[in-house]
Amino acid sequence: MLFMVVERFREAGAKPVYERAREQGRMMPEGLRYVDSWVDAGFTRCFQLMECDDLSMLMTWISRWSDLVDFEVVPVVTSAQAAAAAAH
């Protein structure tokens, strides 16, 4: 399953997030796959596309970052999958 994860950086901003990532990596459990990410121009939000078969993996990863970031998780499908579903 694909998930669009919207991260809203807390009061301290993006700097502590990047510092932790540099020191500890993404801290993802086995089975969670990072696809790609984008950061808004104001450095207040990050949009990450993640993939996993077990939602508990995603929740484990979120718990490792929740002291620095507020999360919104949106299950998504690709445009091709949406087009195929709409055709039925």
Protein backbone atom coordinates (compact mmCIF):
# COMPACT_ATOMS: atom_id res chain seq x y z
CA MET A 1 0.00 0.00 0.00
CA LEU A 2 1.10 3.54 -0.72
CA PHE A 3 0.81 6.35 1.80
CA MET A 4 1.33 10.07 1.35
CA VAL A 5 2.73 11.24 4.65
CA VAL A 6 2.46 14.94 5.36
CA GLU A 7 4.93 15.99 8.02
CA ARG A 8 4.45 19.33 9.71
CA PHE A 9 7.64 20.40 11.45
CA ARG A 10 7.09 21.50 15.04
CA GLU A 11 8.22 24.82 16.58
CA ALA A 12 11.92 24.11 16.14
CA GLY A 13 11.44 23.74 12.37
CA ALA A 14 13.18 21.45 9.92
CA LYS A 15 16.73 21.74 11.29
CA PRO A 16 16.40 19.14 14.11
CA VAL A 17 14.73 16.72 11.69
CA TYR A 18 17.61 16.98 9.22
CA GLU A 19 20.16 16.69 12.03
CA ARG A 20 18.60 13.47 13.32
CA ALA A 21 18.31 12.04 9.81
CA ARG A 22 21.98 12.82 9.19
CA GLU A 23 23.01 11.16 12.47
CA GLN A 24 20.60 8.19 12.59
CA GLY A 25 19.25 7.78 9.06
CA ARG A 26 15.54 7.42 8.34
CA MET A 27 15.05 4.95 11.21
CA MET A 28 12.61 2.84 9.17
CA PRO A 29 11.64 -0.65 10.29
CA GLU A 30 12.23 -3.59 7.96
CA GLY A 31 9.48 -3.73 5.35
CA LEU A 32 8.80 0.00 5.13
CA ARG A 33 9.98 1.54 1.86
CA TYR A 34 10.73 5.21 1.25
CA VAL A 35 9.70 6.13 -2.32
CA ASP A 36 10.36 9.88 -2.58
CA SER A 37 9.82 13.17 -0.78
CA TRP A 38 9.30 16.87 -1.36
CA VAL A 39 9.62 19.82 1.03
CA ASP A 40 7.61 23.02 0.69
CA ALA A 41 9.58 26.17 -0.12
CA GLY A 42 8.99 27.57 3.38
CA PHE A 43 10.49 24.47 5.06
CA THR A 44 7.39 23.95 7.18
CA ARG A 45 6.16 20.66 5.66
CA CYS A 46 7.55 17.56 4.04
CA PHE A 47 5.52 15.27 1.79
CA GLN A 48 6.80 11.70 1.74
CA LEU A 49 5.54 8.81 -0.31
CA MET A 50 5.98 5.59 1.67
CA GLU A 51 5.08 2.00 0.87
CA CYS A 52 4.41 -1.02 3.09
CA ASP A 53 2.13 -4.03 3.40
CA ASP A 54 1.64 -3.69 7.15
CA LEU A 55 0.42 -0.38 8.56
CA SER A 56 2.12 -1.14 11.89
CA MET A 57 5.50 -0.63 10.16
CA LEU A 58 4.50 2.89 9.16
CA MET A 59 3.22 3.60 12.68
CA THR A 60 6.50 2.37 14.19
CA TRP A 61 8.44 4.76 11.96
CA ILE A 62 6.10 7.64 12.85
CA SER A 63 6.61 6.98 16.57
CA ARG A 64 10.37 7.47 16.10
CA TRP A 65 9.86 11.00 14.74
CA SER A 66 6.73 12.22 16.51
CA ASP A 67 8.69 14.31 19.01
CA LEU A 68 9.79 16.58 16.14
CA VAL A 69 6.99 16.26 13.59
CA ASP A 70 3.18 16.11 13.45
CA PHE A 71 1.96 13.56 10.91
CA GLU A 72 -0.99 13.20 8.58
CA VAL A 73 -1.21 9.88 6.72
CA VAL A 74 -3.26 9.54 3.54
CA PRO A 75 -3.61 6.17 1.77
CA VAL A 76 -3.15 6.82 -1.96
CA VAL A 77 -3.19 4.97 -5.28
CA THR A 78 -1.28 5.80 -8.43
CA SER A 79 -2.99 7.78 -11.20
CA ALA A 80 -2.96 4.65 -13.37
CA GLN A 81 -4.71 2.66 -10.64
CA ALA A 82 -7.30 5.40 -10.19
CA ALA A 83 -7.96 5.57 -13.94
CA ALA A 84 -8.40 1.79 -14.11
CA ALA A 85 -10.80 1.81 -11.16
CA ALA A 86 -12.81 4.69 -12.66
CA ALA A 87 -13.16 2.78 -15.93
CA HIS A 88 -15.20 0.02 -14.25
